[in-house]
Amino acid sequence: MISEDGFVFRKGKKGDKQPADWGADIENDFPEFVLELRGKQVASARTRHGENHIFFISSFEWNKGYCTKFLELWEKYAKEKGYSEIIVSYVDTDAGHISIY
């Protein structure tokens, strides 16, 4: 778990919302990672082939920058875990949220 400025990045658990349009409605299925803001879930993601590959990430409110914050905190998590490469396949958000500095 990583906390920063009211955000919490954590592993998913039963009861967490899946990424929007995920399509999976499997009992006991939950996202691998979740982003919360002040205790409210604002984004979630599924992985593929390990924690260093985000296959699908979605925020539940558009134009808030939650996917960007998710990716920033996920990068910190990946560095802590010692991953040398991270992969993002699909971000479900409006254009312009992901910035490269």
N, C-alpha and C. Protein backbone atom coordinates (compact mmCIF):
# COMPACT_ATOMS: atom_id res chain seq x y z
N MET A 1 0.84 -1.18 0.00
CA MET A 1 0.00 0.00 0.00
C MET A 1 0.89 1.24 0.00
N ILE A 2 0.50 2.20 -0.82
CA ILE A 2 1.23 3.47 -0.88
C ILE A 2 0.22 4.59 -0.67
N SER A 3 0.54 5.52 0.22
CA SER A 3 -0.34 6.67 0.49
C SER A 3 0.36 7.96 0.12
N GLU A 4 -0.43 8.89 -0.46
CA GLU A 4 0.13 10.19 -0.84
C GLU A 4 -1.01 11.19 -1.05
N ASP A 5 -1.00 12.28 -0.32
CA ASP A 5 -1.94 13.39 -0.50
C ASP A 5 -3.40 12.95 -0.52
N GLY A 6 -3.79 12.07 0.39
CA GLY A 6 -5.17 11.60 0.47
C GLY A 6 -5.47 10.41 -0.42
N PHE A 7 -4.55 10.05 -1.32
CA PHE A 7 -4.72 8.88 -2.19
C PHE A 7 -4.10 7.66 -1.52
N VAL A 8 -4.72 6.51 -1.76
CA VAL A 8 -4.16 5.23 -1.32
C VAL A 8 -4.18 4.29 -2.51
N PHE A 9 -3.00 3.75 -2.85
CA PHE A 9 -2.85 2.73 -3.88
C PHE A 9 -2.67 1.42 -3.15
N ARG A 10 -3.51 0.43 -3.46
CA ARG A 10 -3.44 -0.84 -2.75
C ARG A 10 -3.85 -1.99 -3.65
N LYS A 11 -3.61 -3.21 -3.16
CA LYS A 11 -4.07 -4.41 -3.84
C LYS A 11 -5.59 -4.46 -3.74
N GLY A 12 -6.23 -5.03 -4.75
CA GLY A 12 -7.67 -5.19 -4.75
C GLY A 12 -8.11 -6.28 -3.79
N LYS A 13 -9.40 -6.24 -3.44
CA LYS A 13 -9.98 -7.26 -2.55
C LYS A 13 -11.45 -7.46 -2.94
N LYS A 14 -12.04 -8.49 -2.40
CA LYS A 14 -13.44 -8.79 -2.67
C LYS A 14 -14.29 -7.57 -2.31
N GLY A 15 -15.20 -7.21 -3.21
CA GLY A 15 -16.05 -6.05 -3.00
C GLY A 15 -15.59 -4.80 -3.73
N ASP A 16 -14.35 -4.77 -4.20
CA ASP A 16 -13.86 -3.62 -4.97
C ASP A 16 -14.48 -3.65 -6.37
N LYS A 17 -14.72 -2.45 -6.92
CA LYS A 17 -15.29 -2.35 -8.27
C LYS A 17 -14.24 -2.68 -9.31
N GLN A 18 -14.68 -3.41 -10.34
CA GLN A 18 -13.83 -3.72 -11.49
C GLN A 18 -13.66 -2.47 -12.33
N PRO A 19 -12.64 -2.45 -13.19
CA PRO A 19 -12.54 -1.35 -14.16
C PRO A 19 -13.82 -1.27 -15.00
N ALA A 20 -14.22 -0.07 -15.37
CA ALA A 20 -15.42 0.12 -16.19
C ALA A 20 -15.30 -0.66 -17.49
N ASP A 21 -16.42 -1.20 -17.94
CA ASP A 21 -16.48 -1.96 -19.19
C ASP A 21 -15.57 -3.19 -19.19
N TRP A 22 -15.19 -3.66 -18.03
CA TRP A 22 -14.35 -4.86 -17.97
C TRP A 22 -15.07 -6.06 -18.55
N GLY A 23 -16.38 -6.15 -18.29
CA GLY A 23 -17.18 -7.22 -18.85
C GLY A 23 -17.22 -8.47 -18.00
N ALA A 24 -16.29 -8.64 -17.10
CA ALA A 24 -16.28 -9.83 -16.25
C ALA A 24 -17.25 -9.64 -15.11
N ASP A 25 -18.15 -10.56 -14.96
CA ASP A 25 -19.09 -10.54 -13.84
C ASP A 25 -18.98 -11.86 -13.12
N ILE A 26 -17.81 -12.14 -12.64
CA ILE A 26 -17.50 -13.42 -12.01
C ILE A 26 -17.54 -13.24 -10.50
N GLU A 27 -18.28 -14.10 -9.84
CA GLU A 27 -18.37 -14.02 -8.38
C GLU A 27 -16.98 -14.18 -7.78
N ASN A 28 -16.68 -13.40 -6.79
CA ASN A 28 -15.39 -13.39 -6.08
C ASN A 28 -14.25 -12.87 -6.95
N ASP A 29 -14.55 -12.26 -8.08
CA ASP A 29 -13.51 -11.69 -8.93
C ASP A 29 -13.34 -10.23 -8.54
N PHE A 30 -12.11 -9.76 -8.50
CA PHE A 30 -11.85 -8.38 -8.12
C PHE A 30 -10.61 -7.88 -8.84
N PRO A 31 -10.46 -6.55 -8.93
CA PRO A 31 -9.29 -5.99 -9.62
C PRO A 31 -8.01 -6.26 -8.83
N GLU A 32 -6.89 -6.29 -9.54
CA GLU A 32 -5.61 -6.52 -8.86
C GLU A 32 -5.16 -5.30 -8.06
N PHE A 33 -5.45 -4.09 -8.58
CA PHE A 33 -5.05 -2.87 -7.90
C PHE A 33 -6.20 -1.88 -7.87
N VAL A 34 -6.20 -1.04 -6.82
CA VAL A 34 -7.26 -0.05 -6.60
C VAL A 34 -6.61 1.26 -6.18
N LEU A 35 -7.21 2.37 -6.59
CA LEU A 35 -6.84 3.69 -6.10
C LEU A 35 -8.03 4.27 -5.36
N GLU A 36 -7.78 4.72 -4.14
CA GLU A 36 -8.81 5.36 -3.34
C GLU A 36 -8.41 6.81 -3.08
N LEU A 37 -9.40 7.66 -2.94
CA LEU A 37 -9.19 9.04 -2.52
C LEU A 37 -10.07 9.27 -1.30
N ARG A 38 -9.42 9.52 -0.17
CA ARG A 38 -10.11 9.73 1.11
C ARG A 38 -11.14 8.64 1.38
N GLY A 39 -10.75 7.37 1.15
CA GLY A 39 -11.59 6.22 1.46
C GLY A 39 -12.58 5.82 0.39
N LYS A 40 -12.65 6.56 -0.72
CA LYS A 40 -13.57 6.24 -1.81
C LYS A 40 -12.78 5.69 -2.99
N GLN A 41 -13.19 4.55 -3.53
CA GLN A 41 -12.51 3.97 -4.68
C GLN A 41 -12.77 4.84 -5.91
N VAL A 42 -11.69 5.28 -6.56
CA VAL A 42 -11.81 6.16 -7.72
C VAL A 42 -11.26 5.53 -9.00
N ALA A 43 -10.51 4.44 -8.89
CA ALA A 43 -9.96 3.76 -10.08
C ALA A 43 -9.60 2.32 -9.70
N SER A 44 -9.51 1.49 -10.72
CA SER A 44 -9.05 0.12 -10.51
C SER A 44 -8.40 -0.40 -11.78
N ALA A 45 -7.67 -1.49 -11.66
CA ALA A 45 -6.96 -2.04 -12.81
C ALA A 45 -6.84 -3.55 -12.71
N ARG A 46 -6.77 -4.16 -13.88
CA ARG A 46 -6.48 -5.58 -14.02
C ARG A 46 -5.08 -5.71 -14.59
N THR A 47 -4.42 -6.79 -14.27
CA THR A 47 -3.07 -7.04 -14.77
C THR A 47 -3.06 -8.24 -15.70
N ARG A 48 -1.93 -8.40 -16.39
CA ARG A 48 -1.74 -9.56 -17.25
C ARG A 48 -0.28 -9.97 -17.11
N HIS A 49 -0.05 -11.23 -16.87
CA HIS A 49 1.31 -11.79 -16.78
C HIS A 49 2.13 -11.16 -15.66
N GLY A 50 1.51 -10.76 -14.57
CA GLY A 50 2.25 -10.23 -13.43
C GLY A 50 1.89 -8.79 -13.10
N GLU A 51 2.34 -8.37 -11.92
CA GLU A 51 2.00 -7.04 -11.38
C GLU A 51 2.62 -5.90 -12.17
N ASN A 52 3.61 -6.18 -12.99
CA ASN A 52 4.27 -5.10 -13.73
C ASN A 52 3.62 -4.82 -15.09
N HIS A 53 2.49 -5.48 -15.38
CA HIS A 53 1.78 -5.25 -16.65
C HIS A 53 0.31 -4.93 -16.37
N ILE A 54 -0.02 -3.64 -16.41
CA ILE A 54 -1.41 -3.22 -16.29
C ILE A 54 -2.07 -3.45 -17.63
N PHE A 55 -3.05 -4.34 -17.66
CA PHE A 55 -3.75 -4.65 -18.90
C PHE A 55 -4.89 -3.66 -19.15
N PHE A 56 -5.58 -3.26 -18.09
CA PHE A 56 -6.73 -2.36 -18.25
C PHE A 56 -6.90 -1.55 -16.97
N ILE A 57 -6.90 -0.23 -17.11
CA ILE A 57 -7.10 0.66 -15.96
C ILE A 57 -8.25 1.61 -16.29
N SER A 58 -9.07 1.89 -15.29
CA SER A 58 -10.22 2.76 -15.50
C SER A 58 -10.48 3.58 -14.25
N SER A 59 -10.84 4.84 -14.45
CA SER A 59 -11.32 5.66 -13.33
C SER A 59 -12.84 5.70 -13.42
N PHE A 60 -13.48 5.99 -12.31
CA PHE A 60 -14.94 5.99 -12.25
C PHE A 60 -15.53 7.38 -12.41
N GLU A 61 -14.66 8.40 -12.41
CA GLU A 61 -15.07 9.77 -12.70
C GLU A 61 -14.05 10.33 -13.69
N TRP A 62 -14.52 10.78 -14.82
CA TRP A 62 -13.63 11.28 -15.85
C TRP A 62 -13.19 12.70 -15.57
N ASN A 63 -12.09 13.09 -16.16
CA ASN A 63 -11.54 14.45 -16.09
C ASN A 63 -11.09 14.85 -14.69
N LYS A 64 -10.71 13.89 -13.89
CA LYS A 64 -10.21 14.18 -12.55
C LYS A 64 -8.72 13.87 -12.41
N GLY A 65 -8.14 13.16 -13.40
CA GLY A 65 -6.73 12.80 -13.34
C GLY A 65 -6.43 11.58 -12.50
N TYR A 66 -7.45 10.78 -12.18
CA TYR A 66 -7.25 9.62 -11.32
C TYR A 66 -6.38 8.54 -11.97
N CYS A 67 -6.49 8.35 -13.28
CA CYS A 67 -5.64 7.36 -13.94
C CYS A 67 -4.18 7.80 -13.89
N THR A 68 -3.94 9.08 -14.03
CA THR A 68 -2.57 9.59 -13.92
C THR A 68 -2.01 9.32 -12.53
N LYS A 69 -2.78 9.63 -11.50
CA LYS A 69 -2.33 9.39 -10.12
C LYS A 69 -2.13 7.90 -9.87
N PHE A 70 -3.05 7.08 -10.40
CA PHE A 70 -2.91 5.63 -10.29
C PHE A 70 -1.56 5.19 -10.85
N LEU A 71 -1.24 5.65 -12.07
CA LEU A 71 0.01 5.25 -12.71
C LEU A 71 1.23 5.76 -11.96
N GLU A 72 1.16 6.96 -11.41
CA GLU A 72 2.28 7.49 -10.62
C GLU A 72 2.54 6.61 -9.40
N LEU A 73 1.48 6.24 -8.70
CA LEU A 73 1.65 5.43 -7.49
C LEU A 73 2.00 3.98 -7.83
N TRP A 74 1.46 3.47 -8.93
CA TRP A 74 1.81 2.12 -9.37
C TRP A 74 3.30 2.06 -9.73
N GLU A 75 3.82 3.12 -10.34
CA GLU A 75 5.25 3.17 -10.66
C GLU A 75 6.08 3.10 -9.37
N LYS A 76 5.67 3.83 -8.35
CA LYS A 76 6.38 3.76 -7.06
C LYS A 76 6.33 2.35 -6.50
N TYR A 77 5.15 1.73 -6.57
CA TYR A 77 4.98 0.35 -6.10
C TYR A 77 5.93 -0.59 -6.86
N ALA A 78 5.96 -0.46 -8.20
CA ALA A 78 6.80 -1.31 -9.03
C ALA A 78 8.29 -1.14 -8.68
N LYS A 79 8.71 0.09 -8.42
CA LYS A 79 10.11 0.33 -8.03
C LYS A 79 10.41 -0.33 -6.70
N GLU A 80 9.48 -0.22 -5.75
CA GLU A 80 9.67 -0.86 -4.44
C GLU A 80 9.79 -2.38 -4.58
N LYS A 81 9.06 -2.95 -5.53
CA LYS A 81 9.08 -4.40 -5.76
C LYS A 81 10.28 -4.84 -6.60
N GLY A 82 11.03 -3.87 -7.14
CA GLY A 82 12.23 -4.19 -7.90
C GLY A 82 12.01 -4.48 -9.37
N TYR A 83 10.86 -4.11 -9.92
CA TYR A 83 10.63 -4.32 -11.34
C TYR A 83 11.48 -3.35 -12.16
N SER A 84 12.08 -3.86 -13.23
CA SER A 84 12.89 -3.00 -14.09
C SER A 84 12.10 -2.53 -15.31
N GLU A 85 10.92 -3.11 -15.54
CA GLU A 85 10.08 -2.71 -16.67
C GLU A 85 8.62 -2.76 -16.23
N ILE A 86 7.86 -1.74 -16.65
CA ILE A 86 6.41 -1.75 -16.42
C ILE A 86 5.72 -1.50 -17.76
N ILE A 87 4.54 -2.11 -17.91
CA ILE A 87 3.81 -2.06 -19.17
C ILE A 87 2.37 -1.64 -18.88
N VAL A 88 1.84 -0.74 -19.70
CA VAL A 88 0.43 -0.35 -19.63
C VAL A 88 -0.17 -0.60 -20.99
N SER A 89 -1.20 -1.45 -21.05
CA SER A 89 -1.82 -1.78 -22.33
C SER A 89 -2.99 -0.87 -22.67
N TYR A 90 -3.85 -0.57 -21.70
CA TYR A 90 -5.05 0.18 -22.03
C TYR A 90 -5.48 1.04 -20.86
N VAL A 91 -5.68 2.33 -21.11
CA VAL A 91 -6.17 3.27 -20.11
C VAL A 91 -7.51 3.80 -20.60
N ASP A 92 -8.55 3.59 -19.82
CA ASP A 92 -9.90 4.03 -20.16
C ASP A 92 -10.12 5.41 -19.57
N THR A 93 -9.80 6.46 -20.34
CA THR A 93 -9.89 7.83 -19.84
C THR A 93 -9.97 8.80 -21.01
N ASP A 94 -10.30 10.02 -20.73
CA ASP A 94 -10.25 11.05 -21.76
C ASP A 94 -8.81 11.29 -22.18
N ALA A 95 -8.64 11.73 -23.39
CA ALA A 95 -7.30 12.05 -23.88
C ALA A 95 -6.69 13.19 -23.08
N GLY A 96 -5.39 13.16 -22.92
CA GLY A 96 -4.69 14.26 -22.29
C GLY A 96 -4.39 14.08 -20.81
N HIS A 97 -4.82 13.01 -20.22
CA HIS A 97 -4.56 12.82 -18.79
C HIS A 97 -3.16 12.33 -18.49
N ILE A 98 -2.56 11.60 -19.39
CA ILE A 98 -1.24 11.04 -19.14
C ILE A 98 -0.21 11.99 -19.71
N SER A 99 0.63 12.51 -18.86
CA SER A 99 1.64 13.48 -19.26
C SER A 99 3.04 12.89 -19.02
N ILE A 100 3.97 13.20 -19.90
CA ILE A 100 5.35 12.77 -19.73
C ILE A 100 6.19 13.99 -19.40
N TYR A 101 6.94 13.91 -18.33
CA TYR A 101 7.76 15.04 -17.88
C TYR A 101 9.21 14.79 -18.16
